[in-house]
């Protein structure tokens, strides 16, 4: 399911969501996630062809700490233009290599 966002970050901002209810990515079915990504790509191509943005953001949030405001899995397709005045930045800071390796091991063990 795809539709225009009623609170768009930029012109052409589209939401794509699963048909079946799933509050987050973590509980959505593999089939529904695959369908969402196919639709995201289709919408992104249409936005690119029709609006010709300089780039696109694909955004998805899980949980309150990640600023998820709607309790249904969805992805944002957001067209971006140079100097559009919108941000999505954070300061890059080199991580501790040992901590990165240890964290990767924890994640690997959970797979």
PDB file of N, CA and C in Angstrom:
ATOM      1  N   UNK A   1       0.856  -1.173   0.000  1.00  0.00           N
ATOM      2  CA  UNK A   1       0.000   0.000   0.000  1.00  0.00           C
ATOM      3  C   UNK A   1       0.900   1.234   0.000  1.00  0.00           C
ATOM      4  N   UNK A   2       0.646   2.156  -0.914  1.00  0.00           N
ATOM      5  CA  UNK A   2       1.437   3.385  -0.994  1.00  0.00           C
ATOM      6  C   UNK A   2       0.500   4.577  -1.120  1.00  0.00           C
ATOM      7  N   UNK A   3       0.860   5.655  -0.433  1.00  0.00           N
ATOM      8  CA  UNK A   3       0.056   6.875  -0.504  1.00  0.00           C
ATOM      9  C   UNK A   3       0.925   8.061  -0.120  1.00  0.00           C
ATOM     10  N   UNK A   4       0.446   9.255  -0.473  1.00  0.00           N
ATOM     11  CA  UNK A   4       1.183  10.476  -0.181  1.00  0.00           C
ATOM     12  C   UNK A   4       1.122  10.771   1.316  1.00  0.00           C
ATOM     13  N   UNK A   5       2.245  11.220   1.872  1.00  0.00           N
ATOM     14  CA  UNK A   5       2.293  11.619   3.279  1.00  0.00           C
ATOM     15  C   UNK A   5       1.555  12.951   3.434  1.00  0.00           C
ATOM     16  N   UNK A   6       0.653  13.037   4.427  1.00  0.00           N
ATOM     17  CA  UNK A   6      -0.094  14.290   4.633  1.00  0.00           C
ATOM     18  C   UNK A   6       0.736  15.348   5.356  1.00  0.00           C
ATOM     19  N   UNK A   7       1.901  14.941   5.868  1.00  0.00           N
ATOM     20  CA  UNK A   7       2.849  15.870   6.492  1.00  0.00           C
ATOM     21  C   UNK A   7       4.198  15.724   5.783  1.00  0.00           C
ATOM     22  N   UNK A   8       4.268  16.086   4.507  1.00  0.00           N
ATOM     23  CA  UNK A   8       5.466  15.775   3.729  1.00  0.00           C
ATOM     24  C   UNK A   8       6.701  16.577   4.145  1.00  0.00           C
ATOM     25  N   UNK A   9       7.831  15.883   4.167  1.00  0.00           N
ATOM     26  CA  UNK A   9       9.113  16.555   4.376  1.00  0.00           C
ATOM     27  C   UNK A   9       9.444  17.379   3.134  1.00  0.00           C
ATOM     28  N   UNK A  10       9.155  16.818   1.971  1.00  0.00           N
ATOM     29  CA  UNK A  10       9.350  17.488   0.685  1.00  0.00           C
ATOM     30  C   UNK A  10       8.227  17.069  -0.250  1.00  0.00           C
ATOM     31  N   UNK A  11       8.057  17.795  -1.327  1.00  0.00           N
ATOM     32  CA  UNK A  11       7.082  17.424  -2.353  1.00  0.00           C
ATOM     33  C   UNK A  11       7.391  16.010  -2.846  1.00  0.00           C
ATOM     34  N   UNK A  12       6.366  15.173  -2.933  1.00  0.00           N
ATOM     35  CA  UNK A  12       6.546  13.813  -3.414  1.00  0.00           C
ATOM     36  C   UNK A  12       6.804  12.788  -2.328  1.00  0.00           C
ATOM     37  N   UNK A  13       6.752  13.176  -1.057  1.00  0.00           N
ATOM     38  CA  UNK A  13       6.982  12.279   0.084  1.00  0.00           C
ATOM     39  C   UNK A  13       5.869  11.223   0.105  1.00  0.00           C
ATOM     40  N   UNK A  14       6.249   9.965   0.007  1.00  0.00           N
ATOM     41  CA  UNK A  14       5.311   8.846  -0.061  1.00  0.00           C
ATOM     42  C   UNK A  14       5.539   7.907   1.115  1.00  0.00           C
ATOM     43  N   UNK A  15       4.452   7.335   1.630  1.00  0.00           N
ATOM     44  CA  UNK A  15       4.519   6.278   2.640  1.00  0.00           C
ATOM     45  C   UNK A  15       4.160   4.959   1.979  1.00  0.00           C
ATOM     46  N   UNK A  16       4.891   3.911   2.337  1.00  0.00           N
ATOM     47  CA  UNK A  16       4.605   2.558   1.862  1.00  0.00           C
ATOM     48  C   UNK A  16       4.489   1.687   3.094  1.00  0.00           C
ATOM     49  N   UNK A  17       3.372   0.963   3.225  1.00  0.00           N
ATOM     50  CA  UNK A  17       3.177   0.137   4.424  1.00  0.00           C
ATOM     51  C   UNK A  17       2.664  -1.243   4.069  1.00  0.00           C
ATOM     52  N   UNK A  18       2.771  -2.133   5.036  1.00  0.00           N
ATOM     53  CA  UNK A  18       2.249  -3.484   4.871  1.00  0.00           C
ATOM     54  C   UNK A  18       0.729  -3.439   4.898  1.00  0.00           C
ATOM     55  N   UNK A  19       0.095  -4.383   4.187  1.00  0.00           N
ATOM     56  CA  UNK A  19      -1.364  -4.487   4.260  1.00  0.00           C
ATOM     57  C   UNK A  19      -1.767  -5.097   5.597  1.00  0.00           C
ATOM     58  N   UNK A  20      -1.076  -6.151   6.004  1.00  0.00           N
ATOM     59  CA  UNK A  20      -1.366  -6.785   7.296  1.00  0.00           C
ATOM     60  C   UNK A  20      -0.754  -5.941   8.404  1.00  0.00           C
ATOM     61  N   UNK A  21      -1.452  -5.847   9.535  1.00  0.00           N
ATOM     62  CA  UNK A  21      -0.914  -5.044  10.633  1.00  0.00           C
ATOM     63  C   UNK A  21       0.343  -5.682  11.207  1.00  0.00           C
ATOM     64  N   UNK A  22       1.361  -4.879  11.356  1.00  0.00           N
ATOM     65  CA  UNK A  22       2.603  -5.248  12.032  1.00  0.00           C
ATOM     66  C   UNK A  22       3.141  -3.952  12.611  1.00  0.00           C
ATOM     67  N   UNK A  23       3.287  -3.860  13.929  1.00  0.00           N
ATOM     68  CA  UNK A  23       3.730  -2.597  14.513  1.00  0.00           C
ATOM     69  C   UNK A  23       5.150  -2.188  14.122  1.00  0.00           C
ATOM     70  N   UNK A  24       6.035  -3.158  13.898  1.00  0.00           N
ATOM     71  CA  UNK A  24       7.423  -2.828  13.572  1.00  0.00           C
ATOM     72  C   UNK A  24       7.988  -3.819  12.567  1.00  0.00           C
ATOM     73  N   UNK A  25       9.141  -3.475  12.053  1.00  0.00           N
ATOM     74  CA  UNK A  25       9.914  -4.343  11.173  1.00  0.00           C
ATOM     75  C   UNK A  25      10.180  -5.696  11.827  1.00  0.00           C
ATOM     76  N   UNK A  26      10.356  -5.684  13.133  1.00  0.00           N
ATOM     77  CA  UNK A  26      10.756  -6.892  13.855  1.00  0.00           C
ATOM     78  C   UNK A  26       9.702  -7.982  13.844  1.00  0.00           C
ATOM     79  N   UNK A  27       8.437  -7.622  13.620  1.00  0.00           N
ATOM     80  CA  UNK A  27       7.364  -8.625  13.644  1.00  0.00           C
ATOM     81  C   UNK A  27       6.636  -8.762  12.311  1.00  0.00           C
ATOM     82  N   UNK A  28       6.949  -7.946  11.329  1.00  0.00           N
ATOM     83  CA  UNK A  28       6.325  -8.064  10.007  1.00  0.00           C
ATOM     84  C   UNK A  28       6.810  -9.348   9.341  1.00  0.00           C
ATOM     85  N   UNK A  29       5.949  -9.962   8.545  1.00  0.00           N
ATOM     86  CA  UNK A  29       6.326 -11.214   7.877  1.00  0.00           C
ATOM     87  C   UNK A  29       7.334 -10.943   6.759  1.00  0.00           C
ATOM     88  N   UNK A  30       8.124 -11.965   6.442  1.00  0.00           N
ATOM     89  CA  UNK A  30       9.105 -11.862   5.351  1.00  0.00           C
ATOM     90  C   UNK A  30       8.407 -11.485   4.044  1.00  0.00           C
ATOM     91  N   UNK A  31       7.254 -12.099   3.801  1.00  0.00           N
ATOM     92  CA  UNK A  31       6.515 -11.832   2.565  1.00  0.00           C
ATOM     93  C   UNK A  31       6.054 -10.376   2.508  1.00  0.00           C
ATOM     94  N   UNK A  32       5.538  -9.868   3.623  1.00  0.00           N
ATOM     95  CA  UNK A  32       5.087  -8.477   3.653  1.00  0.00           C
ATOM     96  C   UNK A  32       6.253  -7.509   3.479  1.00  0.00           C
ATOM     97  N   UNK A  33       7.386  -7.818   4.101  1.00  0.00           N
ATOM     98  CA  UNK A  33       8.554  -6.944   3.956  1.00  0.00           C
ATOM     99  C   UNK A  33       9.045  -6.928   2.514  1.00  0.00           C
ATOM    100  N   UNK A  34       9.048  -8.096   1.872  1.00  0.00           N
ATOM    101  CA  UNK A  34       9.467  -8.159   0.468  1.00  0.00           C
ATOM    102  C   UNK A  34       8.516  -7.343  -0.408  1.00  0.00           C
ATOM    103  N   UNK A  35       7.216  -7.444  -0.136  1.00  0.00           N
ATOM    104  CA  UNK A  35       6.232  -6.680  -0.907  1.00  0.00           C
ATOM    105  C   UNK A  35       6.426  -5.178  -0.703  1.00  0.00           C
ATOM    106  N   UNK A  36       6.711  -4.775   0.528  1.00  0.00           N
ATOM    107  CA  UNK A  36       6.952  -3.358   0.803  1.00  0.00           C
ATOM    108  C   UNK A  36       8.165  -2.873   0.015  1.00  0.00           C
ATOM    109  N   UNK A  37       9.247  -3.635   0.016  1.00  0.00           N
ATOM    110  CA  UNK A  37      10.449  -3.187  -0.694  1.00  0.00           C
ATOM    111  C   UNK A  37      10.230  -3.123  -2.199  1.00  0.00           C
ATOM    112  N   UNK A  38       9.455  -4.052  -2.754  1.00  0.00           N
ATOM    113  CA  UNK A  38       9.136  -3.964  -4.184  1.00  0.00           C
ATOM    114  C   UNK A  38       8.362  -2.674  -4.472  1.00  0.00           C
ATOM    115  N   UNK A  39       7.411  -2.359  -3.594  1.00  0.00           N
ATOM    116  CA  UNK A  39       6.617  -1.142  -3.774  1.00  0.00           C
ATOM    117  C   UNK A  39       7.466   0.104  -3.554  1.00  0.00           C
ATOM    118  N   UNK A  40       8.360   0.077  -2.568  1.00  0.00           N
ATOM    119  CA  UNK A  40       9.265   1.207  -2.327  1.00  0.00           C
ATOM    120  C   UNK A  40      10.078   1.490  -3.586  1.00  0.00           C
ATOM    121  N   UNK A  41      10.629   0.450  -4.191  1.00  0.00           N
ATOM    122  CA  UNK A  41      11.437   0.656  -5.398  1.00  0.00           C
ATOM    123  C   UNK A  41      10.582   1.214  -6.542  1.00  0.00           C
ATOM    124  N   UNK A  42       9.381   0.688  -6.687  1.00  0.00           N
ATOM    125  CA  UNK A  42       8.477   1.180  -7.733  1.00  0.00           C
ATOM    126  C   UNK A  42       8.149   2.663  -7.514  1.00  0.00           C
ATOM    127  N   UNK A  43       7.852   3.029  -6.273  1.00  0.00           N
ATOM    128  CA  UNK A  43       7.534   4.423  -5.962  1.00  0.00           C
ATOM    129  C   UNK A  43       8.757   5.315  -6.151  1.00  0.00           C
ATOM    130  N   UNK A  44       9.924   4.846  -5.717  1.00  0.00           N
ATOM    131  CA  UNK A  44      11.155   5.631  -5.858  1.00  0.00           C
ATOM    132  C   UNK A  44      11.453   5.900  -7.329  1.00  0.00           C
ATOM    133  N   UNK A  45      11.257   4.893  -8.166  1.00  0.00           N
ATOM    134  CA  UNK A  45      11.489   5.091  -9.603  1.00  0.00           C
ATOM    135  C   UNK A  45      10.508   6.103 -10.185  1.00  0.00           C
ATOM    136  N   UNK A  46       9.243   6.040  -9.748  1.00  0.00           N
ATOM    137  CA  UNK A  46       8.239   6.981 -10.244  1.00  0.00           C
ATOM    138  C   UNK A  46       8.542   8.405  -9.778  1.00  0.00           C
ATOM    139  N   UNK A  47       8.962   8.543  -8.521  1.00  0.00           N
ATOM    140  CA  UNK A  47       9.335   9.864  -7.998  1.00  0.00           C
ATOM    141  C   UNK A  47      10.532  10.402  -8.775  1.00  0.00           C
ATOM    142  N   UNK A  48      11.525   9.555  -9.006  1.00  0.00           N
ATOM    143  CA  UNK A  48      12.719   9.984  -9.738  1.00  0.00           C
ATOM    144  C   UNK A  48      12.351  10.442 -11.148  1.00  0.00           C
ATOM    145  N   UNK A  49      11.511   9.671 -11.825  1.00  0.00           N
ATOM    146  CA  UNK A  49      11.140   9.996 -13.202  1.00  0.00           C
ATOM    147  C   UNK A  49      10.274  11.254 -13.288  1.00  0.00           C
ATOM    148  N   UNK A  50       9.377  11.433 -12.329  1.00  0.00           N
ATOM    149  CA  UNK A  50       8.420  12.538 -12.421  1.00  0.00           C
ATOM    150  C   UNK A  50       8.916  13.845 -11.820  1.00  0.00           C
ATOM    151  N   UNK A  51       9.627  13.768 -10.706  1.00  0.00           N
ATOM    152  CA  UNK A  51      10.051  14.982  -9.995  1.00  0.00           C
ATOM    153  C   UNK A  51      11.530  15.299 -10.172  1.00  0.00           C
ATOM    154  N   UNK A  52      12.302  14.322 -10.609  1.00  0.00           N
ATOM    155  CA  UNK A  52      13.736  14.462 -10.834  1.00  0.00           C
ATOM    156  C   UNK A  52      14.485  15.066  -9.648  1.00  0.00           C
ATOM    157  N   UNK A  53      14.320  14.481  -8.452  1.00  0.00           N
ATOM    158  CA  UNK A  53      15.083  14.977  -7.306  1.00  0.00           C
ATOM    159  C   UNK A  53      16.567  14.654  -7.473  1.00  0.00           C
ATOM    160  N   UNK A  54      17.383  15.335  -6.682  1.00  0.00           N
ATOM    161  CA  UNK A  54      18.823  15.075  -6.692  1.00  0.00           C
ATOM    162  C   UNK A  54      19.166  13.787  -5.954  1.00  0.00           C
ATOM    163  N   UNK A  55      18.257  13.328  -5.104  1.00  0.00           N
ATOM    164  CA  UNK A  55      18.473  12.103  -4.339  1.00  0.00           C
ATOM    165  C   UNK A  55      17.182  11.684  -3.667  1.00  0.00           C
ATOM    166  N   UNK A  56      17.228  10.555  -2.978  1.00  0.00           N
ATOM    167  CA  UNK A  56      16.068  10.026  -2.254  1.00  0.00           C
ATOM    168  C   UNK A  56      16.525   9.494  -0.908  1.00  0.00           C
ATOM    169  N   UNK A  57      15.733   9.732   0.130  1.00  0.00           N
ATOM    170  CA  UNK A  57      15.934   9.062   1.414  1.00  0.00           C
ATOM    171  C   UNK A  57      14.861   8.008   1.559  1.00  0.00           C
ATOM    172  N   UNK A  58      15.260   6.829   2.042  1.00  0.00           N
ATOM    173  CA  UNK A  58      14.328   5.789   2.465  1.00  0.00           C
ATOM    174  C   UNK A  58      14.473   5.708   3.969  1.00  0.00           C
ATOM    175  N   UNK A  59      13.384   5.967   4.686  1.00  0.00           N
ATOM    176  CA  UNK A  59      13.443   6.037   6.143  1.00  0.00           C
ATOM    177  C   UNK A  59      12.443   5.084   6.759  1.00  0.00           C
ATOM    178  N   UNK A  60      12.820   4.500   7.900  1.00  0.00           N
ATOM    179  CA  UNK A  60      11.936   3.598   8.629  1.00  0.00           C
ATOM    180  C   UNK A  60      12.341   3.646  10.092  1.00  0.00           C
ATOM    181  N   UNK A  61      11.366   3.717  10.999  1.00  0.00           N
ATOM    182  CA  UNK A  61      11.644   3.827  12.433  1.00  0.00           C
ATOM    183  C   UNK A  61      10.944   2.706  13.195  1.00  0.00           C
ATOM    184  N   UNK A  62      11.619   2.174  14.204  1.00  0.00           N
ATOM    185  CA  UNK A  62      11.069   1.126  15.062  1.00  0.00           C
ATOM    186  C   UNK A  62      11.192   1.548  16.512  1.00  0.00           C
ATOM    187  N   UNK A  63      10.069   1.813  17.146  1.00  0.00           N
ATOM    188  CA  UNK A  63      10.072   2.141  18.567  1.00  0.00           C
ATOM    189  C   UNK A  63      10.135   3.629  18.845  1.00  0.00           C
ATOM    190  N   UNK A  64       9.697   3.965  20.037  1.00  0.00           N
ATOM    191  CA  UNK A  64       9.616   5.363  20.464  1.00  0.00           C
ATOM    192  C   UNK A  64      10.970   6.066  20.422  1.00  0.00           C
ATOM    193  N   UNK A  65      12.025   5.372  20.851  1.00  0.00           N
ATOM    194  CA  UNK A  65      13.353   5.992  20.870  1.00  0.00           C
ATOM    195  C   UNK A  65      13.839   6.353  19.466  1.00  0.00           C
ATOM    196  N   UNK A  66      13.289   5.661  18.458  1.00  0.00           N
ATOM    197  CA  UNK A  66      13.651   5.940  17.065  1.00  0.00           C
ATOM    198  C   UNK A  66      12.659   6.898  16.405  1.00  0.00           C
ATOM    199  N   UNK A  67      11.773   7.478  17.224  1.00  0.00           N
ATOM    200  CA  UNK A  67      10.776   8.446  16.756  1.00  0.00           C
ATOM    201  C   UNK A  67       9.703   7.823  15.864  1.00  0.00           C
ATOM    202  N   UNK A  68       9.360   6.548  16.135  1.00  0.00           N
ATOM    203  CA  UNK A  68       8.231   5.942  15.430  1.00  0.00           C
ATOM    204  C   UNK A  68       6.957   6.571  15.979  1.00  0.00           C
ATOM    205  N   UNK A  69       6.183   7.221  15.121  1.00  0.00           N
ATOM    206  CA  UNK A  69       4.982   7.924  15.580  1.00  0.00           C
ATOM    207  C   UNK A  69       3.691   7.199  15.216  1.00  0.00           C
ATOM    208  N   UNK A  70       3.765   6.238  14.315  1.00  0.00           N
ATOM    209  CA  UNK A  70       2.599   5.458  13.895  1.00  0.00           C
ATOM    210  C   UNK A  70       2.891   3.992  14.203  1.00  0.00           C
ATOM    211  N   UNK A  71       2.033   3.314  14.974  1.00  0.00           N
ATOM    212  CA  UNK A  71       2.316   1.935  15.368  1.00  0.00           C
ATOM    213  C   UNK A  71       1.957   0.917  14.279  1.00  0.00           C
ATOM    214  N   UNK A  72       2.450   1.140  13.071  1.00  0.00           N
ATOM    215  CA  UNK A  72       2.267   0.222  11.950  1.00  0.00           C
ATOM    216  C   UNK A  72       3.507   0.363  11.076  1.00  0.00           C
ATOM    217  N   UNK A  73       4.126  -0.767  10.726  1.00  0.00           N
ATOM    218  CA  UNK A  73       5.343  -0.726   9.914  1.00  0.00           C
ATOM    219  C   UNK A  73       5.094   0.046   8.620  1.00  0.00           C
ATOM    220  N   UNK A  74       5.965   0.999   8.348  1.00  0.00           N
ATOM    221  CA  UNK A  74       5.902   1.737   7.096  1.00  0.00           C
ATOM    222  C   UNK A  74       7.276   2.310   6.768  1.00  0.00           C
ATOM    223  N   UNK A  75       7.465   2.611   5.504  1.00  0.00           N
ATOM    224  CA  UNK A  75       8.694   3.247   5.040  1.00  0.00           C
ATOM    225  C   UNK A  75       8.340   4.557   4.356  1.00  0.00           C
ATOM    226  N   UNK A  76       9.241   5.511   4.506  1.00  0.00           N
ATOM    227  CA  UNK A  76       9.097   6.813   3.862  1.00  0.00           C
ATOM    228  C   UNK A  76       9.993   6.838   2.627  1.00  0.00           C
ATOM    229  N   UNK A  77       9.454   7.290   1.520  1.00  0.00           N
ATOM    230  CA  UNK A  77      10.228   7.572   0.317  1.00  0.00           C
ATOM    231  C   UNK A  77      10.223   9.095   0.203  1.00  0.00           C
ATOM    232  N   UNK A  78      11.382   9.699   0.442  1.00  0.00           N
ATOM    233  CA  UNK A  78      11.457  11.162   0.523  1.00  0.00           C
ATOM    234  C   UNK A  78      12.396  11.700  -0.559  1.00  0.00           C
ATOM    235  N   UNK A  79      11.841  12.402  -1.544  1.00  0.00           N
ATOM    236  CA  UNK A  79      12.699  13.041  -2.534  1.00  0.00           C
ATOM    237  C   UNK A  79      13.523  14.154  -1.881  1.00  0.00           C
ATOM    238  N   UNK A  80      14.775  14.283  -2.331  1.00  0.00           N
ATOM    239  CA  UNK A  80      15.655  15.309  -1.770  1.00  0.00           C
ATOM    240  C   UNK A  80      16.300  16.111  -2.892  1.00  0.00           C
ATOM    241  N   UNK A  81      16.461  17.388  -2.629  1.00  0.00           N
ATOM    242  CA  UNK A  81      17.121  18.287  -3.564  1.00  0.00           C
ATOM    243  C   UNK A  81      18.255  18.982  -2.832  1.00  0.00           C
ATOM    244  N   UNK A  82      19.327  19.258  -3.571  1.00  0.00           N
ATOM    245  CA  UNK A  82      20.415  20.051  -2.991  1.00  0.00           C
ATOM    246  C   UNK A  82      19.819  21.342  -2.446  1.00  0.00           C
ATOM    247  N   UNK A  83      20.250  21.734  -1.283  1.00  0.00           N
ATOM    248  CA  UNK A  83      19.803  22.973  -0.648  1.00  0.00           C
ATOM    249  C   UNK A  83      18.291  23.020  -0.418  1.00  0.00           C
ATOM    250  N   UNK A  84      17.673  21.852  -0.104  1.00  0.00           N
ATOM    251  CA  UNK A  84      16.234  21.873   0.210  1.00  0.00           C
ATOM    252  C   UNK A  84      15.972  22.340   1.637  1.00  0.00           C
ATOM    253  N   UNK A  85      17.047  22.563   2.390  1.00  0.00           N
ATOM    254  CA  UNK A  85      16.895  23.083   3.744  1.00  0.00           C
ATOM    255  C   UNK A  85      16.494  22.048   4.774  1.00  0.00           C
ATOM    256  N   UNK A  86      16.373  20.802   4.360  1.00  0.00           N
ATOM    257  CA  UNK A  86      15.993  19.731   5.283  1.00  0.00           C
ATOM    258  C   UNK A  86      17.258  19.004   5.719  1.00  0.00           C
ATOM    259  N   UNK A  87      17.245  18.466   6.908  1.00  0.00           N
ATOM    260  CA  UNK A  87      18.424  17.779   7.401  1.00  0.00           C
ATOM    261  C   UNK A  87      18.165  16.319   7.713  1.00  0.00           C
ATOM    262  N   UNK A  88      19.210  15.586   7.744  1.00  0.00           N
ATOM    263  CA  UNK A  88      19.215  14.205   8.209  1.00  0.00           C
ATOM    264  C   UNK A  88      20.688  13.879   8.447  1.00  0.00           C
ATOM    265  N   UNK A  89      21.242  14.579   9.409  1.00  0.00           N
ATOM    266  CA  UNK A  89      22.679  14.467   9.607  1.00  0.00           C
ATOM    267  C   UNK A  89      23.007  14.175  11.058  1.00  0.00           C
ATOM    268  N   UNK A  90      24.154  13.604  11.255  1.00  0.00           N
ATOM    269  CA  UNK A  90      24.726  13.465  12.577  1.00  0.00           C
ATOM    270  C   UNK A  90      26.235  13.555  12.406  1.00  0.00           C
ATOM    271  N   UNK A  91      26.890  13.912  13.461  1.00  0.00           N
ATOM    272  CA  UNK A  91      28.333  14.076  13.416  1.00  0.00           C
ATOM    273  C   UNK A  91      29.004  12.712  13.387  1.00  0.00           C
ATOM    274  N   UNK A  92      29.845  12.503  12.398  1.00  0.00           N
ATOM    275  CA  UNK A  92      30.590  11.252  12.318  1.00  0.00           C
ATOM    276  C   UNK A  92      31.721  11.287  13.333  1.00  0.00           C
ATOM    277  N   UNK A  93      31.818  10.236  14.108  1.00  0.00           N
ATOM    278  CA  UNK A  93      32.891  10.112  15.093  1.00  0.00           C
ATOM    279  C   UNK A  93      33.417   8.687  15.015  1.00  0.00           C
ATOM    280  N   UNK A  94      34.700   8.545  14.851  1.00  0.00           N
ATOM    281  CA  UNK A  94      35.323   7.234  14.718  1.00  0.00           C
ATOM    282  C   UNK A  94      35.023   6.400  15.953  1.00  0.00           C
ATOM    283  N   UNK A  95      34.521   5.187  15.727  1.00  0.00           N
ATOM    284  CA  UNK A  95      34.232   4.279  16.832  1.00  0.00           C
ATOM    285  C   UNK A  95      35.478   3.540  17.286  1.00  0.00           C
ATOM    286  N   UNK A  96      35.428   3.018  18.498  1.00  0.00           N
ATOM    287  CA  UNK A  96      36.521   2.221  19.038  1.00  0.00           C
ATOM    288  C   UNK A  96      36.504   0.859  18.338  1.00  0.00           C
ATOM    289  N   UNK A  97      37.579   0.491  17.623  1.00  0.00           N
ATOM    290  CA  UNK A  97      37.588  -0.763  16.868  1.00  0.00           C
ATOM    291  C   UNK A  97      37.287  -1.997  17.724  1.00  0.00           C
ATOM    292  N   UNK A  98      37.818  -2.043  18.930  1.00  0.00           N
ATOM    293  CA  UNK A  98      37.574  -3.207  19.785  1.00  0.00           C
ATOM    294  C   UNK A  98      36.107  -3.282  20.199  1.00  0.00           C
ATOM    295  N   UNK A  99      35.536  -2.156  20.514  1.00  0.00           N
ATOM    296  CA  UNK A  99      34.113  -2.144  20.885  1.00  0.00           C
ATOM    297  C   UNK A  99      33.233  -2.524  19.685  1.00  0.00           C
ATOM    298  N   UNK A 100      33.610  -2.064  18.506  1.00  0.00           N
ATOM    299  CA  UNK A 100      32.871  -2.429  17.291  1.00  0.00           C
ATOM    300  C   UNK A 100      32.933  -3.939  17.080  1.00  0.00           C
ATOM    301  N   UNK A 101      34.124  -4.524  17.233  1.00  0.00           N
ATOM    302  CA  UNK A 101      34.271  -5.981  17.074  1.00  0.00           C
ATOM    303  C   UNK A 101      33.441  -6.733  18.106  1.00  0.00           C
ATOM    304  N   UNK A 102      33.473  -6.286  19.363  1.00  0.00           N
ATOM    305  CA  UNK A 102      32.714  -6.953  20.428  1.00  0.00           C
ATOM    306  C   UNK A 102      31.209  -6.863  20.165  1.00  0.00           C
ATOM    307  N   UNK A 103      30.768  -5.719  19.701  1.00  0.00           N
ATOM    308  CA  UNK A 103      29.349  -5.551  19.387  1.00  0.00           C
ATOM    309  C   UNK A 103      28.950  -6.441  18.217  1.00  0.00           C
ATOM    310  N   UNK A 104      29.807  -6.521  17.204  1.00  0.00           N
ATOM    311  CA  UNK A 104      29.535  -7.396  16.058  1.00  0.00           C
ATOM    312  C   UNK A 104      29.406  -8.848  16.509  1.00  0.00           C
ATOM    313  N   UNK A 105      30.240  -9.267  17.444  1.00  0.00           N
ATOM    314  CA  UNK A 105      30.166 -10.642  17.967  1.00  0.00           C
ATOM    315  C   UNK A 105      28.842 -10.892  18.674  1.00  0.00           C
ATOM    316  N   UNK A 106      28.378  -9.937  19.470  1.00  0.00           N
ATOM    317  CA  UNK A 106      27.083 -10.081  20.155  1.00  0.00           C
ATOM    318  C   UNK A 106      25.954 -10.238  19.139  1.00  0.00           C
ATOM    319  N   UNK A 107      25.998  -9.411  18.109  1.00  0.00           N
ATOM    320  CA  UNK A 107      24.956  -9.473  17.079  1.00  0.00           C
ATOM    321  C   UNK A 107      25.043 -10.794  16.323  1.00  0.00           C
ATOM    322  N   UNK A 108      26.260 -11.190  15.951  1.00  0.00           N
ATOM    323  CA  UNK A 108      26.461 -12.453  15.227  1.00  0.00           C
ATOM    324  C   UNK A 108      25.926 -13.627  16.031  1.00  0.00           C
ATOM    325  N   UNK A 109      26.134 -13.611  17.336  1.00  0.00           N
ATOM    326  CA  UNK A 109      25.670 -14.704  18.198  1.00  0.00           C
ATOM    327  C   UNK A 109      24.145 -14.783  18.244  1.00  0.00           C
ATOM    328  N   UNK A 110      23.472 -13.675  17.991  1.00  0.00           N
ATOM    329  CA  UNK A 110      22.010 -13.661  18.025  1.00  0.00           C
ATOM    330  C   UNK A 110      21.383 -14.083  16.692  1.00  0.00           C
ATOM    331  N   UNK A 111      22.201 -14.242  15.657  1.00  0.00           N
ATOM    332  CA  UNK A 111      21.657 -14.630  14.341  1.00  0.00           C
ATOM    333  C   UNK A 111      21.258 -16.092  14.302  1.00  0.00           C
TER     334      UNK A 111
END
